[in-house]
Protein backbone atom coordinates (compact mmCIF):
# COMPACT_ATOMS: atom_id res chain seq x y z
CA MET A 1 -0.17 -0.29 0.32
CA THR A 2 1.41 3.40 -0.91
CA MET A 3 0.74 6.75 1.18
CA PRO A 4 -2.50 8.19 -0.04
CA SER A 5 -2.18 11.20 -2.51
CA TRP A 6 -3.13 14.01 -0.38
CA MET A 7 -0.21 12.51 1.94
CA ARG A 8 2.17 12.57 -0.60
CA GLY A 9 1.46 16.16 -1.62
CA LEU A 10 1.63 17.52 2.50
CA SER A 11 4.90 19.97 2.73
CA LEU A 12 6.14 19.38 6.30
CA PRO A 13 8.55 21.54 8.06
CA ALA A 14 12.52 20.63 7.87
CA GLY A 15 12.99 17.89 10.01
CA ALA A 16 9.59 16.78 10.49
CA THR A 17 7.97 13.58 9.46
CA LEU A 18 4.09 12.11 9.16
CA ARG A 19 3.45 8.74 9.85
CA ARG A 20 0.32 6.72 9.54
CA ARG A 21 -1.04 4.42 12.32
CA GLU A 22 -3.26 1.45 12.58
CA THR A 23 -4.45 0.07 15.84
CA TYR A 24 -5.46 -3.69 16.10
CA GLU A 25 -6.41 -5.73 19.24
CA LEU A 26 -4.69 -9.49 18.95
CA THR A 27 -6.19 -12.04 21.04
CA HIS A 28 -3.79 -14.84 21.02
CA PRO A 29 -3.07 -17.75 23.32
CA THR A 30 -0.65 -16.35 25.62
CA GLY A 31 -2.89 -13.29 26.31
CA VAL A 32 -4.58 -9.95 24.52
CA TYR A 33 -2.16 -7.62 22.89
CA ASP A 34 -2.75 -4.26 21.68
CA VAL A 35 -0.83 -4.14 18.40
CA GLU A 36 0.42 -0.46 16.35
CA VAL A 37 1.09 -0.52 12.76
CA PHE A 38 3.14 2.51 11.58
CA GLN A 39 3.84 3.71 8.06
CA ASN A 40 6.29 5.96 7.20
CA SER A 41 6.22 8.31 4.33
CA ASP A 42 8.72 6.29 2.04
CA GLY A 43 6.17 3.53 2.45
CA THR A 44 8.06 1.15 4.94
CA TRP A 45 6.21 -0.46 7.65
CA TYR A 46 6.55 -1.65 11.12
CA ALA A 47 4.99 -2.87 13.58
CA ILE A 48 4.67 -3.17 17.68
CA ALA A 49 2.69 -5.02 20.02
CA VAL A 50 2.18 -4.74 24.03
CA PRO A 51 0.62 -7.08 26.10
CA ARG A 52 -2.48 -5.67 28.23
CA GLU A 53 -1.28 -7.59 31.12
CA GLY A 54 1.48 -8.73 32.78
CA GLU A 55 3.80 -8.41 36.05
CA ARG A 56 6.45 -6.68 33.02
CA LEU A 57 6.24 -4.50 30.21
CA VAL A 58 7.16 -6.20 27.23
CA VAL A 59 6.65 -4.53 23.48
CA TYR A 60 7.17 -7.46 20.74
CA GLY A 61 8.76 -5.36 17.34
CA SER A 62 9.21 -5.76 13.72
CA PRO A 63 12.02 -3.91 11.72
CA VAL A 64 11.14 -1.52 8.84
CA CYS A 65 9.48 -4.04 6.40
CA GLY A 66 8.18 -3.38 2.70
CA ALA A 67 4.77 -3.95 3.53
CA ARG A 68 2.38 -4.22 6.36
CA ALA A 69 1.11 -7.65 6.36
CA GLU A 70 5.35 -8.49 6.90
CA ALA A 71 5.86 -6.29 9.65
CA LEU A 72 2.22 -7.74 11.22
CA LYS A 73 3.65 -11.23 10.73
CA THR A 74 6.99 -10.80 12.01
CA VAL A 75 5.23 -9.26 15.26
CA MET A 76 2.64 -12.54 15.32
CA GLU A 77 6.12 -14.65 15.21
CA ARG A 78 7.67 -12.59 17.95
CA ILE A 79 4.93 -13.22 20.60
CA ASP A 80 4.48 -16.64 19.59
CA ARG A 81 8.45 -17.42 20.26
CA PHE A 82 8.71 -15.09 23.10
CA ALA A 83 5.44 -14.80 25.05
CA PRO A 84 4.86 -16.99 28.11
CA ARG A 85 1.88 -19.02 27.32
CA MET A 86 -0.81 -18.95 30.31
CA ASN A 87 -2.14 -21.89 32.37
CA ALA A 88 -5.62 -22.31 32.64
CA ASP A 89 -5.90 -19.88 35.91
CA GLY A 90 -4.67 -17.12 33.70
CA ALA A 91 -1.13 -17.50 35.64
CA SER A 92 2.05 -17.70 33.68
CA PRO A 93 3.75 -21.20 33.83
CA GLY A 94 6.20 -21.84 36.06
CA PRO A 95 9.70 -22.84 35.46
CA ALA A 96 8.80 -26.72 35.45
CA GLU A 97 5.76 -26.21 33.17
CA ARG A 98 7.61 -24.54 30.16
């Protein structure tokens, strides 16, 4: 997806940037995540995801990608790989359970 034509025609002050931001909610076996996807003015994308609950703040992110889907896929893969699975009672598993 390219930047909208109205965005390409904007004249920004020196040093200023304008990004498009989209927000999503991801319900995953490890919890619920707030996901934000950003499009830079050059048409590149990146994404971040933050769990809504937990004892510590963890931000899962993608590198700058050529497509929105690629950025989202990377974030979801990182959640799959690194986020602790929840037990049926909603608690994180202990070391013996992992």
